[in-house]
Each structure stands twice: as C-alpha cells, then as structure tokens.
Amino acid sequence: MELRSLGSTGIKVSALGLGTVKFGRNEQVKYPQDFKIPNDQDVMRILDMAWSMGINFIDTAPAYGTSEERLGKLLAQRHDWVIETKVGEIFENGQSRFDFSARHTRESVENSLRKLRRDYLDVVLVHSSGDDMAIIEKEEVFEELENLKQKGLIRAFGMSSKTVAGGLWVVEHCDVVMATCNLEYNEEQPVLDRAMELNKGVVIKKGLLSGYAGVAAGGQGVEQSIKHVLTQPAVSSMIVGTINRHHLQKNIEIAAQYGSATE
C-alpha cells in the first residue's frame, strides 16, 4: 500500500489506517454488533497482519479504554509505526466527559507518552465534544498543543472535528484535521477542499459508516465506501477499525487498488 503525505508535516501514512477503539473499549460504542475485546495474542495478530500488508498508521485515544496501554506494551520494540492519539475526552465508569484545559492537555499528552512508551507523539488531535467553535474560542487546548509541539513532545496536531466551521478553522491554523466522509455524508467537503489548498493533513473517520457499510449496497458497500474516500484528492488516510482479520485483509486489498490515487 502506497504511503501518502500527511499534509506538510513530513509524516508519511498508509492510505488505510488502523483504528483501535475495539482494542480497549466495548461500552457506549456505535457499531452494528456487540463485540468482546480481543486478548493480547489476537491483537498482536491483527497488528502483524496490518503491518505486513502495508499499514503503518494507528489511531487511538485515551477515551478508547485500555487501547493506548495495550499498544504500548505490544509495540514496545516497534517504533516505526505512526501513531495518532487525542486529548480532551475522558471515558470513565461508562461515560464520557471532556476537559480542554491547558493542564489536562499537558497531563493527557504525558500520560499518552508513558502508556505508548514513546519519546514523542506523531499526531495529537483534540477529541471534540461536538461544539467545535466553543472549544476553539474559549479553551486553552490548541495553545497548549502548540507549546508541546515546540518542546518536541508532538510532531503535529489538529482536531477530530464535528462541524464544517470547526474543520475549516483547523485546516487554517493546525497541521491535521480528522473529518467525516462517507457515501451518505459529504457536508464536510469544504473542509477537505480547503485542506487540499493549504496542503494540510486529512484523516477520515466513519468512512465505513461505523461498520454499517458492510451491510449496504448488496454487500458491495465496503468497496464502494473505501473507493469513495481514497479517491478524494485531499485524503491522507482513512481510519478503519476492526478486530476481524478477514475483514482487515479484505479492506487492505480493496484499499490497495485506490491507495495510490494521491501523492
């Protein structure tokens, strides 16, 4: 699978990235079916398959339960992965809460470094609560992420945004935006277009409609969805989370057909 530039960050990421929420959390998640969190052996098999088939990019977050800690343990000797994590959302006792203060941002990054067993983080995104502009205008998180970047603790930062206005601000002021794009939703196209103009990194979430693409279009929904996302010229990588190695292999095979659509 061809690697794509993550905007102007100097980071190269695979066209398909591996989402890891299912490695550490199965409460309050919006997937078609319930699932059990896999054991270490099964997670390692997924990671090995992903790597062997050309994936170098992992998406995680503190809000994904034990995902960061497990990745740190299982990839302790494999620092060639590009890892994207987040700040702002905390998942405790089955519920999410949000903290975008400078202090929490700093502590969250420090905790992620410790859990992931890394000296620096490749990409850190603000995990939006939904009100992007309130976070941008009233909170300290972006200023603190810039400080942490200047200190060398992170290479690039941005936001997993939920609105067009928020996404547009992010591509104007940050390195990377995580936006939603799929066959049923194209409202954030202006964000992708502006990111393309400014050479900013674009990571796509919910490209497979949180798993529902697998039951759409007579079984062809996954291929149509991956093609739709990866042929968008602005897209650096599309995050797909799975704990099924058969699904992972099929997704990678499909992505390989369209993975060189952009440079």
C-alpha atoms as a PDB file:
ATOM      1  CA  MET A   1       0.000   0.000   0.000  1.00  0.00           C
ATOM      2  CA  GLU A   2       1.435   3.334  -1.019  1.00  0.00           C
ATOM      3  CA  LEU A   3       2.229   5.873   1.660  1.00  0.00           C
ATOM      4  CA  ARG A   4       0.735   9.356   1.437  1.00  0.00           C
ATOM      5  CA  SER A   5       1.992  12.645   2.802  1.00  0.00           C
ATOM      6  CA  LEU A   6       0.153  13.851   5.891  1.00  0.00           C
ATOM      7  CA  GLY A   7      -0.100  17.373   4.569  1.00  0.00           C
ATOM      8  CA  SER A   8       3.125  19.308   5.114  1.00  0.00           C
ATOM      9  CA  THR A   9       4.053  17.564   8.374  1.00  0.00           C
ATOM     10  CA  GLY A  10       6.779  15.439   6.809  1.00  0.00           C
ATOM     11  CA  ILE A  11       4.977  12.326   8.068  1.00  0.00           C
ATOM     12  CA  LYS A  12       4.071   9.550   5.630  1.00  0.00           C
ATOM     13  CA  VAL A  13       0.991   7.451   6.405  1.00  0.00           C
ATOM     14  CA  SER A  14      -0.644   4.479   4.737  1.00  0.00           C
ATOM     15  CA  ALA A  15      -3.821   5.208   2.805  1.00  0.00           C
ATOM     16  CA  LEU A  16      -5.631   2.927   5.243  1.00  0.00           C
ATOM     17  CA  GLY A  17      -5.038   3.390   8.957  1.00  0.00           C
ATOM     18  CA  LEU A  18      -5.969   1.012  11.763  1.00  0.00           C
ATOM     19  CA  GLY A  19      -8.496   2.241  14.309  1.00  0.00           C
ATOM     20  CA  THR A  20      -8.089   0.711  17.766  1.00  0.00           C
ATOM     21  CA  VAL A  21     -11.144   1.611  19.834  1.00  0.00           C
ATOM     22  CA  LYS A  22     -12.094  -2.072  19.825  1.00  0.00           C
ATOM     23  CA  PHE A  23      -8.749  -2.964  21.385  1.00  0.00           C
ATOM     24  CA  GLY A  24      -9.733  -1.305  24.626  1.00  0.00           C
ATOM     25  CA  ARG A  25     -13.417  -0.390  24.886  1.00  0.00           C
ATOM     26  CA  ASN A  26     -16.754  -2.017  24.124  1.00  0.00           C
ATOM     27  CA  GLU A  27     -19.075   0.244  26.137  1.00  0.00           C
ATOM     28  CA  GLN A  28     -21.046   3.122  24.614  1.00  0.00           C
ATOM     29  CA  VAL A  29     -19.826   2.439  21.076  1.00  0.00           C
ATOM     30  CA  LYS A  30     -21.929   2.744  17.953  1.00  0.00           C
ATOM     31  CA  TYR A  31     -21.330  -0.425  15.993  1.00  0.00           C
ATOM     32  CA  PRO A  32     -23.873  -2.781  14.365  1.00  0.00           C
ATOM     33  CA  GLN A  33     -22.958  -5.690  16.660  1.00  0.00           C
ATOM     34  CA  ASP A  34     -21.677  -6.181  20.196  1.00  0.00           C
ATOM     35  CA  PHE A  35     -18.139  -7.487  20.478  1.00  0.00           C
ATOM     36  CA  LYS A  36     -15.651  -8.795  23.010  1.00  0.00           C
ATOM     37  CA  ILE A  37     -12.353  -7.025  23.487  1.00  0.00           C
ATOM     38  CA  PRO A  38      -9.670  -9.308  21.979  1.00  0.00           C
ATOM     39  CA  ASN A  39      -6.827 -10.736  24.024  1.00  0.00           C
ATOM     40  CA  ASP A  40      -3.200  -9.703  23.523  1.00  0.00           C
ATOM     41  CA  GLN A  41      -2.439 -12.580  21.168  1.00  0.00           C
ATOM     42  CA  ASP A  42      -5.327 -11.701  18.872  1.00  0.00           C
ATOM     43  CA  VAL A  43      -4.433  -8.005  18.901  1.00  0.00           C
ATOM     44  CA  MET A  44      -0.847  -8.834  18.009  1.00  0.00           C
ATOM     45  CA  ARG A  45      -2.027 -10.945  15.091  1.00  0.00           C
ATOM     46  CA  ILE A  46      -4.073  -8.021  13.809  1.00  0.00           C
ATOM     47  CA  LEU A  47      -1.149  -5.635  14.175  1.00  0.00           C
ATOM     48  CA  ASP A  48       1.242  -8.041  12.454  1.00  0.00           C
ATOM     49  CA  MET A  49      -1.179  -8.559   9.566  1.00  0.00           C
ATOM     50  CA  ALA A  50      -1.729  -4.835   9.190  1.00  0.00           C
ATOM     51  CA  TRP A  51       1.993  -4.122   9.149  1.00  0.00           C
ATOM     52  CA  SER A  52       2.824  -6.967   6.755  1.00  0.00           C
ATOM     53  CA  MET A  53       0.203  -5.694   4.304  1.00  0.00           C
ATOM     54  CA  GLY A  54       1.460  -2.116   4.287  1.00  0.00           C
ATOM     55  CA  ILE A  55      -0.353  -0.285   7.102  1.00  0.00           C
ATOM     56  CA  ASN A  56       1.945   1.942   9.176  1.00  0.00           C
ATOM     57  CA  PHE A  57      -0.656   4.216  10.796  1.00  0.00           C
ATOM     58  CA  ILE A  58      -2.579   3.610  14.033  1.00  0.00           C
ATOM     59  CA  ASP A  59      -5.330   5.767  15.506  1.00  0.00           C
ATOM     60  CA  THR A  60      -6.014   5.605  19.241  1.00  0.00           C
ATOM     61  CA  ALA A  61      -7.174   7.835  22.117  1.00  0.00           C
ATOM     62  CA  PRO A  62      -7.292   7.967  25.915  1.00  0.00           C
ATOM     63  CA  ALA A  63     -11.073   7.610  25.592  1.00  0.00           C
ATOM     64  CA  TYR A  64     -10.585   4.194  23.953  1.00  0.00           C
ATOM     65  CA  GLY A  65     -10.284   2.407  27.283  1.00  0.00           C
ATOM     66  CA  THR A  66      -7.059   0.413  27.519  1.00  0.00           C
ATOM     67  CA  SER A  67      -6.109   0.859  23.849  1.00  0.00           C
ATOM     68  CA  GLU A  68      -3.079   3.111  24.381  1.00  0.00           C
ATOM     69  CA  GLU A  69      -1.644   0.993  27.163  1.00  0.00           C
ATOM     70  CA  ARG A  70      -2.048  -2.217  25.193  1.00  0.00           C
ATOM     71  CA  LEU A  71      -0.458  -0.712  22.101  1.00  0.00           C
ATOM     72  CA  GLY A  72       2.477   0.499  24.164  1.00  0.00           C
ATOM     73  CA  LYS A  73       3.027  -2.959  25.569  1.00  0.00           C
ATOM     74  CA  LEU A  74       2.578  -4.852  22.313  1.00  0.00           C
ATOM     75  CA  LEU A  75       4.577  -2.435  20.164  1.00  0.00           C
ATOM     76  CA  ALA A  76       7.312  -1.689  22.708  1.00  0.00           C
ATOM     77  CA  GLN A  77      10.058  -2.653  20.260  1.00  0.00           C
ATOM     78  CA  ARG A  78       8.298  -1.395  17.127  1.00  0.00           C
ATOM     79  CA  HIS A  79       8.655   2.371  16.983  1.00  0.00           C
ATOM     80  CA  ASP A  80       8.302   2.517  13.217  1.00  0.00           C
ATOM     81  CA  TRP A  81       4.521   2.849  13.480  1.00  0.00           C
ATOM     82  CA  VAL A  82       2.987   6.307  13.064  1.00  0.00           C
ATOM     83  CA  ILE A  83       0.606   6.752  15.996  1.00  0.00           C
ATOM     84  CA  GLU A  84      -2.187   9.292  16.250  1.00  0.00           C
ATOM     85  CA  THR A  85      -3.820   9.864  19.620  1.00  0.00           C
ATOM     86  CA  LYS A  86      -6.070  12.507  21.138  1.00  0.00           C
ATOM     87  CA  VAL A  87      -6.732  14.820  24.069  1.00  0.00           C
ATOM     88  CA  GLY A  88      -9.869  16.232  25.632  1.00  0.00           C
ATOM     89  CA  GLU A  89     -12.176  13.258  26.114  1.00  0.00           C
ATOM     90  CA  ILE A  90     -12.036  11.031  29.184  1.00  0.00           C
ATOM     91  CA  PHE A  91     -14.081   7.829  29.347  1.00  0.00           C
ATOM     92  CA  GLU A  92     -14.724   6.648  32.902  1.00  0.00           C
ATOM     93  CA  ASN A  93     -17.382   4.477  34.501  1.00  0.00           C
ATOM     94  CA  GLY A  94     -19.160   4.019  31.194  1.00  0.00           C
ATOM     95  CA  GLN A  95     -19.457   7.744  30.452  1.00  0.00           C
ATOM     96  CA  SER A  96     -17.502  10.384  28.580  1.00  0.00           C
ATOM     97  CA  ARG A  97     -16.510  13.748  29.986  1.00  0.00           C
ATOM     98  CA  PHE A  98     -14.400  16.485  28.453  1.00  0.00           C
ATOM     99  CA  ASP A  99     -11.582  18.706  29.649  1.00  0.00           C
ATOM    100  CA  PHE A 100      -9.825  21.083  27.248  1.00  0.00           C
ATOM    101  CA  SER A 101      -7.767  22.998  29.795  1.00  0.00           C
ATOM    102  CA  ALA A 102      -4.036  23.529  29.342  1.00  0.00           C
ATOM    103  CA  ARG A 103      -3.290  21.464  32.437  1.00  0.00           C
ATOM    104  CA  HIS A 104      -5.345  18.478  31.330  1.00  0.00           C
ATOM    105  CA  THR A 105      -3.954  18.717  27.791  1.00  0.00           C
ATOM    106  CA  ARG A 106      -0.407  18.605  29.114  1.00  0.00           C
ATOM    107  CA  GLU A 107      -1.153  15.753  31.514  1.00  0.00           C
ATOM    108  CA  SER A 108      -3.000  13.816  28.809  1.00  0.00           C
ATOM    109  CA  VAL A 109      -0.044  14.054  26.429  1.00  0.00           C
ATOM    110  CA  GLU A 110       2.333  12.987  29.202  1.00  0.00           C
ATOM    111  CA  ASN A 111       0.093  10.023  30.042  1.00  0.00           C
ATOM    112  CA  SER A 112      -0.114   9.006  26.377  1.00  0.00           C
ATOM    113  CA  LEU A 113       3.667   9.158  26.062  1.00  0.00           C
ATOM    114  CA  ARG A 114       4.005   6.909  29.089  1.00  0.00           C
ATOM    115  CA  LYS A 115       1.315   4.441  28.024  1.00  0.00           C
ATOM    116  CA  LEU A 116       2.513   4.249  24.429  1.00  0.00           C
ATOM    117  CA  ARG A 117       6.154   4.065  25.625  1.00  0.00           C
ATOM    118  CA  ARG A 118       7.294   6.799  23.286  1.00  0.00           C
ATOM    119  CA  ASP A 119       9.541   9.836  23.484  1.00  0.00           C
ATOM    120  CA  TYR A 120       7.197  11.872  21.294  1.00  0.00           C
ATOM    121  CA  LEU A 121       3.753  11.547  19.711  1.00  0.00           C
ATOM    122  CA  ASP A 122       3.381  11.734  15.947  1.00  0.00           C
ATOM    123  CA  VAL A 123      -0.103  13.271  15.834  1.00  0.00           C
ATOM    124  CA  VAL A 124      -2.342  14.569  18.619  1.00  0.00           C
ATOM    125  CA  LEU A 125      -5.919  15.577  17.867  1.00  0.00           C
ATOM    126  CA  VAL A 126      -8.433  17.394  20.033  1.00  0.00           C
ATOM    127  CA  HIS A 127     -11.278  14.944  20.664  1.00  0.00           C
ATOM    128  CA  SER A 128     -14.228  17.251  20.062  1.00  0.00           C
ATOM    129  CA  SER A 129     -17.278  17.164  22.290  1.00  0.00           C
ATOM    130  CA  GLY A 130     -19.345  18.371  19.340  1.00  0.00           C
ATOM    131  CA  ASP A 131     -19.177  22.130  19.891  1.00  0.00           C
ATOM    132  CA  ASP A 132     -16.020  22.735  17.896  1.00  0.00           C
ATOM    133  CA  MET A 133     -16.129  26.509  17.882  1.00  0.00           C
ATOM    134  CA  ALA A 134     -16.663  26.817  21.638  1.00  0.00           C
ATOM    135  CA  ILE A 135     -13.546  24.686  22.156  1.00  0.00           C
ATOM    136  CA  ILE A 136     -11.599  26.753  19.658  1.00  0.00           C
ATOM    137  CA  GLU A 137     -12.711  30.134  21.004  1.00  0.00           C
ATOM    138  CA  LYS A 138     -12.885  29.519  24.749  1.00  0.00           C
ATOM    139  CA  GLU A 139     -10.457  26.742  25.649  1.00  0.00           C
ATOM    140  CA  GLU A 140      -6.676  26.525  26.077  1.00  0.00           C
ATOM    141  CA  VAL A 141      -6.101  23.213  24.329  1.00  0.00           C
ATOM    142  CA  PHE A 142      -4.758  24.435  20.985  1.00  0.00           C
ATOM    143  CA  GLU A 143      -2.329  26.902  22.542  1.00  0.00           C
ATOM    144  CA  GLU A 144      -1.012  24.160  24.814  1.00  0.00           C
ATOM    145  CA  LEU A 145      -0.636  21.716  21.911  1.00  0.00           C
ATOM    146  CA  GLU A 146       1.431  24.329  20.095  1.00  0.00           C
ATOM    147  CA  ASN A 147       3.619  24.673  23.207  1.00  0.00           C
ATOM    148  CA  LEU A 148       4.070  20.903  23.368  1.00  0.00           C
ATOM    149  CA  LYS A 149       4.953  20.816  19.674  1.00  0.00           C
ATOM    150  CA  GLN A 150       7.597  23.499  20.211  1.00  0.00           C
ATOM    151  CA  LYS A 151       9.033  21.371  23.028  1.00  0.00           C
ATOM    152  CA  GLY A 152       9.292  18.374  20.706  1.00  0.00           C
ATOM    153  CA  LEU A 153       6.760  16.208  22.522  1.00  0.00           C
ATOM    154  CA  ILE A 154       4.433  16.075  19.497  1.00  0.00           C
ATOM    155  CA  ARG A 155       5.140  16.374  15.780  1.00  0.00           C
ATOM    156  CA  ALA A 156       1.740  17.537  14.545  1.00  0.00           C
ATOM    157  CA  PHE A 157      -1.642  18.442  15.980  1.00  0.00           C
ATOM    158  CA  GLY A 158      -5.190  19.252  14.982  1.00  0.00           C
ATOM    159  CA  MET A 159      -8.720  18.188  15.770  1.00  0.00           C
ATOM    160  CA  SER A 160     -11.146  15.367  15.253  1.00  0.00           C
ATOM    161  CA  SER A 161     -13.817  17.878  14.318  1.00  0.00           C
ATOM    162  CA  LYS A 162     -17.563  17.505  14.095  1.00  0.00           C
ATOM    163  CA  THR A 163     -18.619  20.656  12.257  1.00  0.00           C
ATOM    164  CA  VAL A 164     -17.713  22.358   8.998  1.00  0.00           C
ATOM    165  CA  ALA A 165     -16.858  25.597  10.792  1.00  0.00           C
ATOM    166  CA  GLY A 166     -14.567  23.779  13.203  1.00  0.00           C
ATOM    167  CA  GLY A 167     -12.913  21.783  10.460  1.00  0.00           C
ATOM    168  CA  LEU A 168     -12.252  24.898   8.387  1.00  0.00           C
ATOM    169  CA  TRP A 169     -10.651  26.656  11.363  1.00  0.00           C
ATOM    170  CA  VAL A 170      -8.461  23.634  11.994  1.00  0.00           C
ATOM    171  CA  VAL A 171      -7.112  23.467   8.456  1.00  0.00           C
ATOM    172  CA  GLU A 172      -6.358  27.193   8.629  1.00  0.00           C
ATOM    173  CA  HIS A 173      -4.480  27.000  11.952  1.00  0.00           C
ATOM    174  CA  CYS A 174      -3.292  23.431  12.580  1.00  0.00           C
ATOM    175  CA  ASP A 175      -1.473  20.568  10.864  1.00  0.00           C
ATOM    176  CA  VAL A 176      -4.111  17.834  10.601  1.00  0.00           C
ATOM    177  CA  VAL A 177      -7.893  17.573  10.549  1.00  0.00           C
ATOM    178  CA  MET A 178      -9.864  14.406  11.176  1.00  0.00           C
ATOM    179  CA  ALA A 179     -13.114  14.737   9.264  1.00  0.00           C
ATOM    180  CA  THR A 180     -16.097  12.582   8.394  1.00  0.00           C
ATOM    181  CA  CYS A 181     -16.561  11.446   4.824  1.00  0.00           C
ATOM    182  CA  ASN A 182     -18.637   8.551   3.507  1.00  0.00           C
ATOM    183  CA  LEU A 183     -21.176   7.621   0.854  1.00  0.00           C
ATOM    184  CA  GLU A 184     -24.060   9.048   2.878  1.00  0.00           C
ATOM    185  CA  TYR A 185     -22.442  12.244   4.175  1.00  0.00           C
ATOM    186  CA  ASN A 186     -20.498  14.874   2.268  1.00  0.00           C
ATOM    187  CA  GLU A 187     -21.235  18.023   4.265  1.00  0.00           C
ATOM    188  CA  GLU A 188     -17.577  18.377   5.235  1.00  0.00           C
ATOM    189  CA  GLN A 189     -16.364  18.539   1.627  1.00  0.00           C
ATOM    190  CA  PRO A 190     -15.461  22.240   2.066  1.00  0.00           C
ATOM    191  CA  VAL A 191     -13.049  21.170   4.813  1.00  0.00           C
ATOM    192  CA  LEU A 192     -11.361  18.653   2.509  1.00  0.00           C
ATOM    193  CA  ASP A 193     -11.185  21.194  -0.313  1.00  0.00           C
ATOM    194  CA  ARG A 194      -9.575  23.851   1.883  1.00  0.00           C
ATOM    195  CA  ALA A 195      -7.144  21.333   3.354  1.00  0.00           C
ATOM    196  CA  MET A 196      -6.119  20.446  -0.193  1.00  0.00           C
ATOM    197  CA  GLU A 197      -5.487  24.098  -0.995  1.00  0.00           C
ATOM    198  CA  LEU A 198      -3.370  24.596   2.129  1.00  0.00           C
ATOM    199  CA  ASN A 199      -1.596  21.208   1.995  1.00  0.00           C
ATOM    200  CA  LYS A 200      -2.878  20.106   5.392  1.00  0.00           C
ATOM    201  CA  GLY A 201      -3.219  16.508   6.536  1.00  0.00           C
ATOM    202  CA  VAL A 202      -6.670  14.926   6.264  1.00  0.00           C
ATOM    203  CA  VAL A 203      -7.585  11.773   8.169  1.00  0.00           C
ATOM    204  CA  ILE A 204     -11.044  10.345   7.555  1.00  0.00           C
ATOM    205  CA  LYS A 205     -13.232   8.802  10.240  1.00  0.00           C
ATOM    206  CA  LYS A 206     -16.531   6.951   9.804  1.00  0.00           C
ATOM    207  CA  GLY A 207     -15.679   6.155   6.194  1.00  0.00           C
ATOM    208  CA  LEU A 208     -17.445   2.814   6.571  1.00  0.00           C
ATOM    209  CA  LEU A 209     -20.388   4.388   8.434  1.00  0.00           C
ATOM    210  CA  SER A 210     -19.150   2.920  11.757  1.00  0.00           C
ATOM    211  CA  GLY A 211     -19.388  -0.575  10.313  1.00  0.00           C
ATOM    212  CA  TYR A 212     -22.761  -0.236   8.639  1.00  0.00           C
ATOM    213  CA  ALA A 213     -21.231  -0.058   5.157  1.00  0.00           C
ATOM    214  CA  GLY A 214     -20.676  -3.813   5.409  1.00  0.00           C
ATOM    215  CA  VAL A 215     -24.398  -4.464   5.138  1.00  0.00           C
ATOM    216  CA  ALA A 216     -25.094  -1.829   2.491  1.00  0.00           C
ATOM    217  CA  ALA A 217     -25.343  -1.976  -1.287  1.00  0.00           C
ATOM    218  CA  GLY A 218     -25.854  -5.709  -1.522  1.00  0.00           C
ATOM    219  CA  GLY A 219     -22.579  -6.490   0.187  1.00  0.00           C
ATOM    220  CA  GLN A 220     -20.613  -4.068  -2.008  1.00  0.00           C
ATOM    221  CA  GLY A 221     -20.844  -1.182   0.440  1.00  0.00           C
ATOM    222  CA  VAL A 222     -17.332  -1.605   1.843  1.00  0.00           C
ATOM    223  CA  GLU A 223     -15.587  -1.457  -1.519  1.00  0.00           C
ATOM    224  CA  GLN A 224     -17.693   1.480  -2.689  1.00  0.00           C
ATOM    225  CA  SER A 225     -17.019   3.311   0.570  1.00  0.00           C
ATOM    226  CA  ILE A 226     -13.260   2.799   0.516  1.00  0.00           C
ATOM    227  CA  LYS A 227     -13.080   3.843  -3.129  1.00  0.00           C
ATOM    228  CA  HIS A 228     -15.192   6.939  -2.423  1.00  0.00           C
ATOM    229  CA  VAL A 229     -12.900   8.085   0.386  1.00  0.00           C
ATOM    230  CA  LEU A 230      -9.493   7.190  -1.019  1.00  0.00           C
ATOM    231  CA  THR A 231     -10.122   8.794  -4.388  1.00  0.00           C
ATOM    232  CA  GLN A 232     -10.729  12.140  -2.675  1.00  0.00           C
ATOM    233  CA  PRO A 233      -7.559  14.067  -3.565  1.00  0.00           C
ATOM    234  CA  ALA A 234      -7.298  15.710  -0.133  1.00  0.00           C
ATOM    235  CA  VAL A 235      -7.327  12.476   1.874  1.00  0.00           C
ATOM    236  CA  SER A 236      -4.117  11.341   3.529  1.00  0.00           C
ATOM    237  CA  SER A 237      -5.550   8.283   5.271  1.00  0.00           C
ATOM    238  CA  MET A 238      -8.839   6.578   6.082  1.00  0.00           C
ATOM    239  CA  ILE A 239      -9.168   5.016   9.534  1.00  0.00           C
ATOM    240  CA  VAL A 240     -10.879   1.629   9.681  1.00  0.00           C
ATOM    241  CA  GLY A 241     -11.251  -0.169  12.989  1.00  0.00           C
ATOM    242  CA  THR A 242     -11.656  -3.932  13.070  1.00  0.00           C
ATOM    243  CA  ILE A 243     -10.794  -6.921  15.218  1.00  0.00           C
ATOM    244  CA  ASN A 244     -11.659  -9.368  12.425  1.00  0.00           C
ATOM    245  CA  ARG A 245      -8.557 -10.346  10.455  1.00  0.00           C
ATOM    246  CA  HIS A 246     -10.609 -11.479   7.462  1.00  0.00           C
ATOM    247  CA  HIS A 247     -12.287  -8.080   7.288  1.00  0.00           C
ATOM    248  CA  LEU A 248      -8.935  -6.365   7.721  1.00  0.00           C
ATOM    249  CA  GLN A 249      -7.383  -8.318   4.862  1.00  0.00           C
ATOM    250  CA  LYS A 250     -10.298  -7.536   2.549  1.00  0.00           C
ATOM    251  CA  ASN A 251     -10.209  -3.848   3.477  1.00  0.00           C
ATOM    252  CA  ILE A 252      -6.477  -3.674   2.758  1.00  0.00           C
ATOM    253  CA  GLU A 253      -6.866  -5.461  -0.566  1.00  0.00           C
ATOM    254  CA  ILE A 254      -9.567  -3.010  -1.598  1.00  0.00           C
ATOM    255  CA  ALA A 255      -7.567  -0.002  -0.387  1.00  0.00           C
ATOM    256  CA  ALA A 256      -4.513  -1.160  -2.322  1.00  0.00           C
ATOM    257  CA  GLN A 257      -6.477  -0.649  -5.550  1.00  0.00           C
ATOM    258  CA  TYR A 258      -7.069   3.003  -4.716  1.00  0.00           C
ATOM    259  CA  GLY A 259      -4.235   3.715  -2.305  1.00  0.00           C
ATOM    260  CA  SER A 260      -2.060   5.492  -4.849  1.00  0.00           C
ATOM    261  CA  ALA A 261      -4.774   7.888  -6.008  1.00  0.00           C
ATOM    262  CA  THR A 262      -2.954  10.848  -4.437  1.00  0.00           C
ATOM    263  CA  GLU A 263       0.613  11.706  -3.629  1.00  0.00           C
END
